[in-house]
């Protein structure tokens, strides 16, 4: 029974998250011509230049990327992520049909564009956060960013920034530089909403996780295969039982913490997890040590 409740909760998160994201796109960002990166930004550009339905374009662009992600990364791009893609597309088309292509605000006033950038960013942040909380991936150009991070020295954050920046740069040429700047505001608000309001993951980039479970081998293998992060097996001993209790140690980026929790739950519902804030993480998959040294030299120079 608990397993079914857990799965229903995941589906509810995906449905609500897709709805909130669609509201941000269809009611605010789309009508205001704010192409704030990602597949939705590309779909908004196609809508205003070629007249294509925004929701349908999200689906057409997302499915090939989903297939590519599944081929490269495996089963974590499963049913839940595909469900989120279909729901986002359907909700976006439905909202545009109900409220029209003009959205909710009067765009003859310049203030309405700023309000759309703020409101759209907040709604999409809430929506993406709920989808991530379900353990699903938001898909779209996030998959391209993960591919870049996998096969280049770039971190996930840098890769995602590059992909979104390309979409925003395209919007500057197609719409205007001002609209690209509004899109930048939307991206910032979206990311802040995901991190601080919905996911409650704190202000840092990663978490240090200790996992105690009899299924430590399966959990460690899943961390490496499904999340692309390393895992270390630490030998420990229970003070009361005096028995060996192997412990898995891993450093996980914030946007994968829910995925990790789902992995642990999948293998052992009675596992013990300790999650701590990682102040700064240097090495493969995160910021490079060279970049940290460069920042340190820059700070020293400024102080002098």
C-alpha atoms as a PDB file:
ATOM      1  CA  UNK A   1       0.000   0.000   0.000  1.00  0.00           C
ATOM      2  CA  UNK A   2       2.794   2.384   0.868  1.00  0.00           C
ATOM      3  CA  UNK A   3       4.430   1.735  -2.500  1.00  0.00           C
ATOM      4  CA  UNK A   4       1.220   2.623  -4.341  1.00  0.00           C
ATOM      5  CA  UNK A   5       0.785   5.809  -2.301  1.00  0.00           C
ATOM      6  CA  UNK A   6       4.374   6.715  -3.101  1.00  0.00           C
ATOM      7  CA  UNK A   7       3.823   6.220  -6.835  1.00  0.00           C
ATOM      8  CA  UNK A   8       0.554   8.157  -6.790  1.00  0.00           C
ATOM      9  CA  UNK A   9       2.320  11.002  -5.027  1.00  0.00           C
ATOM     10  CA  UNK A  10       5.017  11.005  -7.715  1.00  0.00           C
ATOM     11  CA  UNK A  11       2.401  11.152 -10.488  1.00  0.00           C
ATOM     12  CA  UNK A  12       0.572  13.956  -8.657  1.00  0.00           C
ATOM     13  CA  UNK A  13       3.825  15.950  -8.463  1.00  0.00           C
ATOM     14  CA  UNK A  14       4.391  15.450 -12.192  1.00  0.00           C
ATOM     15  CA  UNK A  15       0.834  16.502 -13.069  1.00  0.00           C
ATOM     16  CA  UNK A  16       0.854  19.593 -10.844  1.00  0.00           C
ATOM     17  CA  UNK A  17       4.372  20.501 -11.895  1.00  0.00           C
ATOM     18  CA  UNK A  18       3.484  20.222 -15.575  1.00  0.00           C
ATOM     19  CA  UNK A  19       0.403  22.386 -15.028  1.00  0.00           C
ATOM     20  CA  UNK A  20       2.327  25.148 -13.228  1.00  0.00           C
ATOM     21  CA  UNK A  21       5.039  25.100 -15.886  1.00  0.00           C
ATOM     22  CA  UNK A  22       2.425  25.279 -18.641  1.00  0.00           C
ATOM     23  CA  UNK A  23       0.784  28.260 -16.906  1.00  0.00           C
ATOM     24  CA  UNK A  24       4.093  30.107 -16.880  1.00  0.00           C
ATOM     25  CA  UNK A  25       4.593  29.386 -20.584  1.00  0.00           C
ATOM     26  CA  UNK A  26       1.064  29.825 -21.960  1.00  0.00           C
ATOM     27  CA  UNK A  27      -0.198  32.686 -19.789  1.00  0.00           C
ATOM     28  CA  UNK A  28       2.924  34.822 -19.398  1.00  0.00           C
ATOM     29  CA  UNK A  29       6.168  33.955 -21.210  1.00  0.00           C
ATOM     30  CA  UNK A  30       4.610  32.897 -24.514  1.00  0.00           C
ATOM     31  CA  UNK A  31       2.328  35.923 -24.984  1.00  0.00           C
ATOM     32  CA  UNK A  32       5.150  38.282 -23.910  1.00  0.00           C
ATOM     33  CA  UNK A  33       7.640  36.697 -26.384  1.00  0.00           C
ATOM     34  CA  UNK A  34       9.987  35.739 -23.542  1.00  0.00           C
ATOM     35  CA  UNK A  35      12.031  32.777 -24.810  1.00  0.00           C
ATOM     36  CA  UNK A  36      13.750  31.879 -21.548  1.00  0.00           C
ATOM     37  CA  UNK A  37      15.859  28.990 -22.769  1.00  0.00           C
ATOM     38  CA  UNK A  38      15.035  25.315 -23.037  1.00  0.00           C
ATOM     39  CA  UNK A  39      12.562  23.597 -25.314  1.00  0.00           C
ATOM     40  CA  UNK A  40       9.789  25.958 -24.203  1.00  0.00           C
ATOM     41  CA  UNK A  41      11.855  28.937 -25.349  1.00  0.00           C
ATOM     42  CA  UNK A  42      12.425  27.365 -28.766  1.00  0.00           C
ATOM     43  CA  UNK A  43       8.706  26.531 -28.985  1.00  0.00           C
ATOM     44  CA  UNK A  44       7.818  30.165 -28.198  1.00  0.00           C
ATOM     45  CA  UNK A  45      10.134  31.341 -30.991  1.00  0.00           C
ATOM     46  CA  UNK A  46       8.500  28.923 -33.468  1.00  0.00           C
ATOM     47  CA  UNK A  47       5.042  30.044 -32.327  1.00  0.00           C
ATOM     48  CA  UNK A  48       5.673  33.737 -32.965  1.00  0.00           C
ATOM     49  CA  UNK A  49       7.644  33.300 -36.204  1.00  0.00           C
ATOM     50  CA  UNK A  50       5.871  30.396 -37.917  1.00  0.00           C
ATOM     51  CA  UNK A  51       2.546  30.240 -36.063  1.00  0.00           C
ATOM     52  CA  UNK A  52       3.001  26.709 -34.682  1.00  0.00           C
ATOM     53  CA  UNK A  53       1.112  25.641 -31.558  1.00  0.00           C
ATOM     54  CA  UNK A  54       3.454  26.069 -28.576  1.00  0.00           C
ATOM     55  CA  UNK A  55       2.384  22.894 -26.800  1.00  0.00           C
ATOM     56  CA  UNK A  56       2.714  20.796 -29.939  1.00  0.00           C
ATOM     57  CA  UNK A  57       6.202  22.192 -30.613  1.00  0.00           C
ATOM     58  CA  UNK A  58       7.260  21.313 -27.052  1.00  0.00           C
ATOM     59  CA  UNK A  59       6.225  17.710 -27.733  1.00  0.00           C
ATOM     60  CA  UNK A  60       7.861  17.543 -31.172  1.00  0.00           C
ATOM     61  CA  UNK A  61      11.149  18.930 -29.853  1.00  0.00           C
ATOM     62  CA  UNK A  62      11.181  16.965 -26.589  1.00  0.00           C
ATOM     63  CA  UNK A  63      10.501  13.427 -27.785  1.00  0.00           C
ATOM     64  CA  UNK A  64      13.675  13.078 -29.934  1.00  0.00           C
ATOM     65  CA  UNK A  65      15.743  14.492 -27.062  1.00  0.00           C
ATOM     66  CA  UNK A  66      14.060  12.052 -24.702  1.00  0.00           C
ATOM     67  CA  UNK A  67      14.976   9.132 -26.975  1.00  0.00           C
ATOM     68  CA  UNK A  68      18.563  10.407 -27.189  1.00  0.00           C
ATOM     69  CA  UNK A  69      18.762  10.720 -23.411  1.00  0.00           C
ATOM     70  CA  UNK A  70      17.422   7.209 -22.927  1.00  0.00           C
ATOM     71  CA  UNK A  71      19.981   5.803 -25.368  1.00  0.00           C
ATOM     72  CA  UNK A  72      22.879   7.517 -23.586  1.00  0.00           C
ATOM     73  CA  UNK A  73      21.881   7.597 -19.922  1.00  0.00           C
ATOM     74  CA  UNK A  74      19.587   4.614 -19.605  1.00  0.00           C
ATOM     75  CA  UNK A  75      16.382   3.971 -17.659  1.00  0.00           C
ATOM     76  CA  UNK A  76      16.223   7.123 -15.549  1.00  0.00           C
ATOM     77  CA  UNK A  77      14.598   8.794 -18.564  1.00  0.00           C
ATOM     78  CA  UNK A  78      11.658   6.493 -18.085  1.00  0.00           C
ATOM     79  CA  UNK A  79       7.916   6.635 -17.859  1.00  0.00           C
ATOM     80  CA  UNK A  80       7.741   9.560 -15.443  1.00  0.00           C
ATOM     81  CA  UNK A  81       9.841  11.894 -17.593  1.00  0.00           C
ATOM     82  CA  UNK A  82       7.886  10.987 -20.715  1.00  0.00           C
ATOM     83  CA  UNK A  83       4.609  11.524 -18.825  1.00  0.00           C
ATOM     84  CA  UNK A  84       5.784  14.984 -17.793  1.00  0.00           C
ATOM     85  CA  UNK A  85       6.614  15.844 -21.413  1.00  0.00           C
ATOM     86  CA  UNK A  86       3.153  14.825 -22.668  1.00  0.00           C
ATOM     87  CA  UNK A  87       1.340  16.594 -19.823  1.00  0.00           C
ATOM     88  CA  UNK A  88       3.326  19.809 -20.303  1.00  0.00           C
ATOM     89  CA  UNK A  89       2.525  19.802 -23.998  1.00  0.00           C
ATOM     90  CA  UNK A  90      -1.178  19.073 -23.407  1.00  0.00           C
ATOM     91  CA  UNK A  91      -1.593  21.655 -20.620  1.00  0.00           C
ATOM     92  CA  UNK A  92       0.169  24.344 -22.666  1.00  0.00           C
ATOM     93  CA  UNK A  93      -2.088  23.775 -25.687  1.00  0.00           C
ATOM     94  CA  UNK A  94      -5.188  23.633 -23.475  1.00  0.00           C
ATOM     95  CA  UNK A  95      -4.381  26.887 -21.673  1.00  0.00           C
ATOM     96  CA  UNK A  96      -3.649  28.666 -24.955  1.00  0.00           C
ATOM     97  CA  UNK A  97      -6.996  27.445 -26.300  1.00  0.00           C
ATOM     98  CA  UNK A  98      -8.833  28.645 -23.174  1.00  0.00           C
ATOM     99  CA  UNK A  99      -7.171  32.031 -22.687  1.00  0.00           C
ATOM    100  CA  UNK A 100      -6.009  32.792 -26.214  1.00  0.00           C
ATOM    101  CA  UNK A 101      -2.546  33.622 -27.504  1.00  0.00           C
ATOM    102  CA  UNK A 102      -2.655  37.028 -25.778  1.00  0.00           C
ATOM    103  CA  UNK A 103      -2.366  35.642 -22.248  1.00  0.00           C
ATOM    104  CA  UNK A 104      -3.676  37.485 -19.212  1.00  0.00           C
ATOM    105  CA  UNK A 105      -1.966  40.877 -19.440  1.00  0.00           C
ATOM    106  CA  UNK A 106      -2.203  43.898 -21.737  1.00  0.00           C
ATOM    107  CA  UNK A 107       1.142  44.071 -23.526  1.00  0.00           C
ATOM    108  CA  UNK A 108       0.594  47.589 -24.785  1.00  0.00           C
ATOM    109  CA  UNK A 109       2.025  48.516 -21.378  1.00  0.00           C
ATOM    110  CA  UNK A 110       5.742  47.842 -21.028  1.00  0.00           C
ATOM    111  CA  UNK A 111       5.317  46.968 -17.356  1.00  0.00           C
ATOM    112  CA  UNK A 112       3.276  43.924 -18.392  1.00  0.00           C
ATOM    113  CA  UNK A 113       6.375  42.363 -19.982  1.00  0.00           C
ATOM    114  CA  UNK A 114       8.330  42.694 -16.738  1.00  0.00           C
ATOM    115  CA  UNK A 115       5.403  41.252 -14.782  1.00  0.00           C
ATOM    116  CA  UNK A 116       5.272  38.336 -17.221  1.00  0.00           C
ATOM    117  CA  UNK A 117       9.009  37.709 -16.823  1.00  0.00           C
ATOM    118  CA  UNK A 118       8.615  37.571 -13.039  1.00  0.00           C
ATOM    119  CA  UNK A 119       5.338  35.637 -12.929  1.00  0.00           C
ATOM    120  CA  UNK A 120       6.321  33.209 -15.676  1.00  0.00           C
ATOM    121  CA  UNK A 121       9.681  32.532 -14.026  1.00  0.00           C
ATOM    122  CA  UNK A 122       8.073  31.880 -10.649  1.00  0.00           C
ATOM    123  CA  UNK A 123       5.408  29.553 -12.068  1.00  0.00           C
ATOM    124  CA  UNK A 124       7.916  27.597 -14.140  1.00  0.00           C
ATOM    125  CA  UNK A 125      10.216  27.342 -11.132  1.00  0.00           C
ATOM    126  CA  UNK A 126       7.426  25.898  -9.029  1.00  0.00           C
ATOM    127  CA  UNK A 127       6.459  23.521 -11.828  1.00  0.00           C
ATOM    128  CA  UNK A 128       9.951  22.251 -12.578  1.00  0.00           C
ATOM    129  CA  UNK A 129      10.590  21.896  -8.855  1.00  0.00           C
ATOM    130  CA  UNK A 130       7.544  19.683  -8.405  1.00  0.00           C
ATOM    131  CA  UNK A 131       8.561  17.513 -11.351  1.00  0.00           C
ATOM    132  CA  UNK A 132      12.075  17.145  -9.941  1.00  0.00           C
ATOM    133  CA  UNK A 133      10.633  16.293  -6.548  1.00  0.00           C
ATOM    134  CA  UNK A 134       8.833  13.359  -8.172  1.00  0.00           C
ATOM    135  CA  UNK A 135      12.199  11.987  -9.279  1.00  0.00           C
ATOM    136  CA  UNK A 136      11.490  12.691 -12.958  1.00  0.00           C
ATOM    137  CA  UNK A 137      13.682  14.730 -15.265  1.00  0.00           C
ATOM    138  CA  UNK A 138      12.292  17.852 -16.893  1.00  0.00           C
ATOM    139  CA  UNK A 139      13.749  16.638 -20.183  1.00  0.00           C
ATOM    140  CA  UNK A 140      14.103  18.993 -23.127  1.00  0.00           C
ATOM    141  CA  UNK A 141      17.394  20.805 -23.517  1.00  0.00           C
ATOM    142  CA  UNK A 142      18.372  19.638 -20.015  1.00  0.00           C
ATOM    143  CA  UNK A 143      19.264  16.369 -21.751  1.00  0.00           C
ATOM    144  CA  UNK A 144      21.611  18.188 -24.150  1.00  0.00           C
ATOM    145  CA  UNK A 145      23.243  19.857 -21.152  1.00  0.00           C
ATOM    146  CA  UNK A 146      23.742  16.493 -19.455  1.00  0.00           C
ATOM    147  CA  UNK A 147      25.279  15.081 -22.629  1.00  0.00           C
ATOM    148  CA  UNK A 148      27.704  18.012 -22.752  1.00  0.00           C
ATOM    149  CA  UNK A 149      28.571  17.478 -19.096  1.00  0.00           C
ATOM    150  CA  UNK A 150      29.111  13.755 -19.672  1.00  0.00           C
ATOM    151  CA  UNK A 151      31.437  14.039 -22.679  1.00  0.00           C
ATOM    152  CA  UNK A 152      33.224  17.349 -21.991  1.00  0.00           C
ATOM    153  CA  UNK A 153      35.043  18.855 -18.988  1.00  0.00           C
ATOM    154  CA  UNK A 154      32.109  21.232 -18.467  1.00  0.00           C
ATOM    155  CA  UNK A 155      30.014  20.968 -15.327  1.00  0.00           C
ATOM    156  CA  UNK A 156      26.246  20.396 -15.512  1.00  0.00           C
ATOM    157  CA  UNK A 157      25.559  23.992 -14.464  1.00  0.00           C
ATOM    158  CA  UNK A 158      27.884  25.412 -17.117  1.00  0.00           C
ATOM    159  CA  UNK A 159      26.452  23.121 -19.800  1.00  0.00           C
ATOM    160  CA  UNK A 160      22.884  24.117 -18.953  1.00  0.00           C
ATOM    161  CA  UNK A 161      23.887  27.797 -19.018  1.00  0.00           C
ATOM    162  CA  UNK A 162      25.428  27.408 -22.488  1.00  0.00           C
ATOM    163  CA  UNK A 163      22.354  25.667 -23.909  1.00  0.00           C
ATOM    164  CA  UNK A 164      19.927  28.209 -22.441  1.00  0.00           C
ATOM    165  CA  UNK A 165      22.180  31.111 -23.470  1.00  0.00           C
ATOM    166  CA  UNK A 166      22.048  29.957 -27.097  1.00  0.00           C
ATOM    167  CA  UNK A 167      18.233  30.011 -27.036  1.00  0.00           C
ATOM    168  CA  UNK A 168      18.160  33.433 -25.379  1.00  0.00           C
ATOM    169  CA  UNK A 169      20.726  34.755 -27.880  1.00  0.00           C
ATOM    170  CA  UNK A 170      18.518  33.531 -30.723  1.00  0.00           C
ATOM    171  CA  UNK A 171      15.568  35.372 -29.197  1.00  0.00           C
ATOM    172  CA  UNK A 172      17.641  38.582 -29.166  1.00  0.00           C
ATOM    173  CA  UNK A 173      18.007  38.372 -32.950  1.00  0.00           C
ATOM    174  CA  UNK A 174      14.419  37.292 -33.605  1.00  0.00           C
ATOM    175  CA  UNK A 175      12.559  39.487 -31.110  1.00  0.00           C
ATOM    176  CA  UNK A 176      14.864  42.127 -29.620  1.00  0.00           C
ATOM    177  CA  UNK A 177      17.726  42.597 -27.188  1.00  0.00           C
ATOM    178  CA  UNK A 178      15.247  43.869 -24.606  1.00  0.00           C
ATOM    179  CA  UNK A 179      13.234  40.641 -24.814  1.00  0.00           C
ATOM    180  CA  UNK A 180      16.404  38.606 -24.362  1.00  0.00           C
ATOM    181  CA  UNK A 181      17.168  40.575 -21.198  1.00  0.00           C
ATOM    182  CA  UNK A 182      13.660  39.875 -19.911  1.00  0.00           C
ATOM    183  CA  UNK A 183      14.276  36.188 -20.665  1.00  0.00           C
ATOM    184  CA  UNK A 184      17.446  36.350 -18.554  1.00  0.00           C
ATOM    185  CA  UNK A 185      15.374  37.662 -15.650  1.00  0.00           C
ATOM    186  CA  UNK A 186      12.938  34.773 -16.095  1.00  0.00           C
ATOM    187  CA  UNK A 187      15.739  32.177 -16.092  1.00  0.00           C
ATOM    188  CA  UNK A 188      17.175  33.643 -12.893  1.00  0.00           C
ATOM    189  CA  UNK A 189      13.815  33.684 -11.100  1.00  0.00           C
ATOM    190  CA  UNK A 190      13.076  30.129 -12.263  1.00  0.00           C
ATOM    191  CA  UNK A 191      16.368  28.786 -10.913  1.00  0.00           C
ATOM    192  CA  UNK A 192      15.990  30.640  -7.601  1.00  0.00           C
ATOM    193  CA  UNK A 193      12.436  29.335  -7.178  1.00  0.00           C
ATOM    194  CA  UNK A 194      13.518  25.747  -7.822  1.00  0.00           C
ATOM    195  CA  UNK A 195      16.403  25.886  -5.345  1.00  0.00           C
ATOM    196  CA  UNK A 196      15.001  27.960  -2.498  1.00  0.00           C
ATOM    197  CA  UNK A 197      11.212  27.746  -2.557  1.00  0.00           C
ATOM    198  CA  UNK A 198      10.211  24.346  -3.915  1.00  0.00           C
ATOM    199  CA  UNK A 199      13.081  21.927  -3.538  1.00  0.00           C
ATOM    200  CA  UNK A 200      14.331  23.376  -0.237  1.00  0.00           C
ATOM    201  CA  UNK A 201      17.830  22.177  -1.043  1.00  0.00           C
ATOM    202  CA  UNK A 202      19.573  25.185   0.461  1.00  0.00           C
ATOM    203  CA  UNK A 203      21.867  27.671  -1.214  1.00  0.00           C
ATOM    204  CA  UNK A 204      24.832  25.457  -2.071  1.00  0.00           C
ATOM    205  CA  UNK A 205      25.386  23.445  -5.218  1.00  0.00           C
ATOM    206  CA  UNK A 206      25.617  19.941  -3.758  1.00  0.00           C
ATOM    207  CA  UNK A 207      24.946  17.665  -0.810  1.00  0.00           C
ATOM    208  CA  UNK A 208      27.115  15.114   0.935  1.00  0.00           C
ATOM    209  CA  UNK A 209      25.110  11.926   1.497  1.00  0.00           C
ATOM    210  CA  UNK A 210      25.887   8.970   3.780  1.00  0.00           C
ATOM    211  CA  UNK A 211      23.757   5.869   3.229  1.00  0.00           C
ATOM    212  CA  UNK A 212      23.642   2.858   5.541  1.00  0.00           C
ATOM    213  CA  UNK A 213      21.896  -0.140   4.007  1.00  0.00           C
ATOM    214  CA  UNK A 214      22.305  -3.873   3.558  1.00  0.00           C
ATOM    215  CA  UNK A 215      21.865  -3.236  -0.161  1.00  0.00           C
ATOM    216  CA  UNK A 216      24.872  -0.908  -0.365  1.00  0.00           C
ATOM    217  CA  UNK A 217      26.267  -2.595  -3.484  1.00  0.00           C
ATOM    218  CA  UNK A 218      23.066  -2.109  -5.507  1.00  0.00           C
ATOM    219  CA  UNK A 219      22.670   1.477  -4.284  1.00  0.00           C
ATOM    220  CA  UNK A 220      26.292   2.363  -5.050  1.00  0.00           C
ATOM    221  CA  UNK A 221      26.045   0.854  -8.544  1.00  0.00           C
ATOM    222  CA  UNK A 222      22.830   2.796  -9.258  1.00  0.00           C
ATOM    223  CA  UNK A 223      24.440   6.074  -8.136  1.00  0.00           C
ATOM    224  CA  UNK A 224      27.260   5.569 -10.620  1.00  0.00           C
ATOM    225  CA  UNK A 225      25.158   4.237 -13.499  1.00  0.00           C
ATOM    226  CA  UNK A 226      21.985   6.310 -13.205  1.00  0.00           C
ATOM    227  CA  UNK A 227      23.192   9.579 -11.697  1.00  0.00           C
ATOM    228  CA  UNK A 228      26.686   9.710 -13.137  1.00  0.00           C
ATOM    229  CA  UNK A 229      28.229  10.457  -9.717  1.00  0.00           C
ATOM    230  CA  UNK A 230      30.900   8.540  -7.866  1.00  0.00           C
ATOM    231  CA  UNK A 231      30.343   6.576  -4.675  1.00  0.00           C
ATOM    232  CA  UNK A 232      32.750   5.475  -1.954  1.00  0.00           C
ATOM    233  CA  UNK A 233      32.277   2.474   0.323  1.00  0.00           C
ATOM    234  CA  UNK A 234      33.238   3.308   3.904  1.00  0.00           C
ATOM    235  CA  UNK A 235      33.751   0.494   6.423  1.00  0.00           C
ATOM    236  CA  UNK A 236      31.896   1.228   9.673  1.00  0.00           C
ATOM    237  CA  UNK A 237      30.863  -0.686  12.777  1.00  0.00           C
ATOM    238  CA  UNK A 238      27.708  -0.380  14.828  1.00  0.00           C
ATOM    239  CA  UNK A 239      28.506   0.666  18.402  1.00  0.00           C
ATOM    240  CA  UNK A 240      25.701  -1.450  19.867  1.00  0.00           C
ATOM    241  CA  UNK A 241      25.765  -4.518  17.628  1.00  0.00           C
ATOM    242  CA  UNK A 242      29.551  -4.507  17.061  1.00  0.00           C
ATOM    243  CA  UNK A 243      28.776  -5.674  13.541  1.00  0.00           C
ATOM    244  CA  UNK A 244      30.217  -4.286  10.328  1.00  0.00           C
ATOM    245  CA  UNK A 245      27.896  -1.798   8.633  1.00  0.00           C
ATOM    246  CA  UNK A 246      29.285  -0.711   5.241  1.00  0.00           C
ATOM    247  CA  UNK A 247      28.303   2.869   4.410  1.00  0.00           C
ATOM    248  CA  UNK A 248      28.016   4.501   0.979  1.00  0.00           C
ATOM    249  CA  UNK A 249      29.376   8.041   0.743  1.00  0.00           C
ATOM    250  CA  UNK A 250      28.559  10.227  -2.256  1.00  0.00           C
ATOM    251  CA  UNK A 251      28.444  13.907  -3.192  1.00  0.00           C
ATOM    252  CA  UNK A 252      25.302  14.672  -5.205  1.00  0.00           C
ATOM    253  CA  UNK A 253      24.311  17.817  -7.053  1.00  0.00           C
ATOM    254  CA  UNK A 254      21.136  19.412  -5.699  1.00  0.00           C
ATOM    255  CA  UNK A 255      19.009  18.643  -8.742  1.00  0.00           C
ATOM    256  CA  UNK A 256      19.703  14.905  -8.353  1.00  0.00           C
ATOM    257  CA  UNK A 257      19.022  14.565  -4.640  1.00  0.00           C
ATOM    258  CA  UNK A 258      15.431  13.464  -5.167  1.00  0.00           C
ATOM    259  CA  UNK A 259      16.574  10.944  -7.773  1.00  0.00           C
ATOM    260  CA  UNK A 260      19.031   9.549  -5.222  1.00  0.00           C
ATOM    261  CA  UNK A 261      16.323   9.303  -2.566  1.00  0.00           C
ATOM    262  CA  UNK A 262      14.162   7.346  -5.023  1.00  0.00           C
ATOM    263  CA  UNK A 263      17.049   4.999  -5.775  1.00  0.00           C
ATOM    264  CA  UNK A 264      17.595   4.266  -2.086  1.00  0.00           C
ATOM    265  CA  UNK A 265      13.858   3.760  -1.556  1.00  0.00           C
ATOM    266  CA  UNK A 266      13.762   1.375  -4.502  1.00  0.00           C
ATOM    267  CA  UNK A 267      16.384  -0.939  -3.023  1.00  0.00           C
ATOM    268  CA  UNK A 268      15.772  -0.522   0.700  1.00  0.00           C
ATOM    269  CA  UNK A 269      12.796   1.237   2.313  1.00  0.00           C
ATOM    270  CA  UNK A 270      14.494   0.869   5.728  1.00  0.00           C
ATOM    271  CA  UNK A 271      17.814   2.458   4.714  1.00  0.00           C
ATOM    272  CA  UNK A 272      19.348   5.187   6.890  1.00  0.00           C
ATOM    273  CA  UNK A 273      20.395   8.406   5.094  1.00  0.00           C
ATOM    274  CA  UNK A 274      22.287  11.419   6.399  1.00  0.00           C
ATOM    275  CA  UNK A 275      22.325  14.471   4.118  1.00  0.00           C
ATOM    276  CA  UNK A 276      24.686  17.358   4.772  1.00  0.00           C
ATOM    277  CA  UNK A 277      25.508  20.632   3.031  1.00  0.00           C
ATOM    278  CA  UNK A 278      28.617  20.558   0.854  1.00  0.00           C
ATOM    279  CA  UNK A 279      30.095  24.052   1.093  1.00  0.00           C
ATOM    280  CA  UNK A 280      32.109  23.646  -2.111  1.00  0.00           C
ATOM    281  CA  UNK A 281      32.735  20.625  -4.340  1.00  0.00           C
ATOM    282  CA  UNK A 282      35.780  20.454  -6.581  1.00  0.00           C
ATOM    283  CA  UNK A 283      36.506  17.736  -9.110  1.00  0.00           C
ATOM    284  CA  UNK A 284      34.864  15.758 -11.889  1.00  0.00           C
ATOM    285  CA  UNK A 285      31.226  16.694 -12.437  1.00  0.00           C
ATOM    286  CA  UNK A 286      31.545  19.903 -10.392  1.00  0.00           C
ATOM    287  CA  UNK A 287      33.817  22.958 -10.439  1.00  0.00           C
ATOM    288  CA  UNK A 288      37.413  22.233 -11.361  1.00  0.00           C
ATOM    289  CA  UNK A 289      40.237  22.668  -8.861  1.00  0.00           C
ATOM    290  CA  UNK A 290      41.934  25.022 -11.323  1.00  0.00           C
ATOM    291  CA  UNK A 291      38.857  27.275 -11.347  1.00  0.00           C
ATOM    292  CA  UNK A 292      38.877  27.383  -7.527  1.00  0.00           C
ATOM    293  CA  UNK A 293      42.555  28.349  -7.519  1.00  0.00           C
ATOM    294  CA  UNK A 294      41.857  31.070 -10.071  1.00  0.00           C
ATOM    295  CA  UNK A 295      39.031  32.459  -7.936  1.00  0.00           C
ATOM    296  CA  UNK A 296      41.317  32.406  -4.914  1.00  0.00           C
ATOM    297  CA  UNK A 297      44.005  34.347  -6.741  1.00  0.00           C
ATOM    298  CA  UNK A 298      41.441  36.857  -7.987  1.00  0.00           C
ATOM    299  CA  UNK A 299      40.081  37.404  -4.459  1.00  0.00           C
ATOM    300  CA  UNK A 300      43.607  37.868  -3.110  1.00  0.00           C
ATOM    301  CA  UNK A 301      44.394  40.413  -5.827  1.00  0.00           C
ATOM    302  CA  UNK A 302      41.224  42.384  -5.079  1.00  0.00           C
ATOM    303  CA  UNK A 303      42.006  42.478  -1.353  1.00  0.00           C
ATOM    304  CA  UNK A 304      45.512  43.787  -2.075  1.00  0.00           C
END
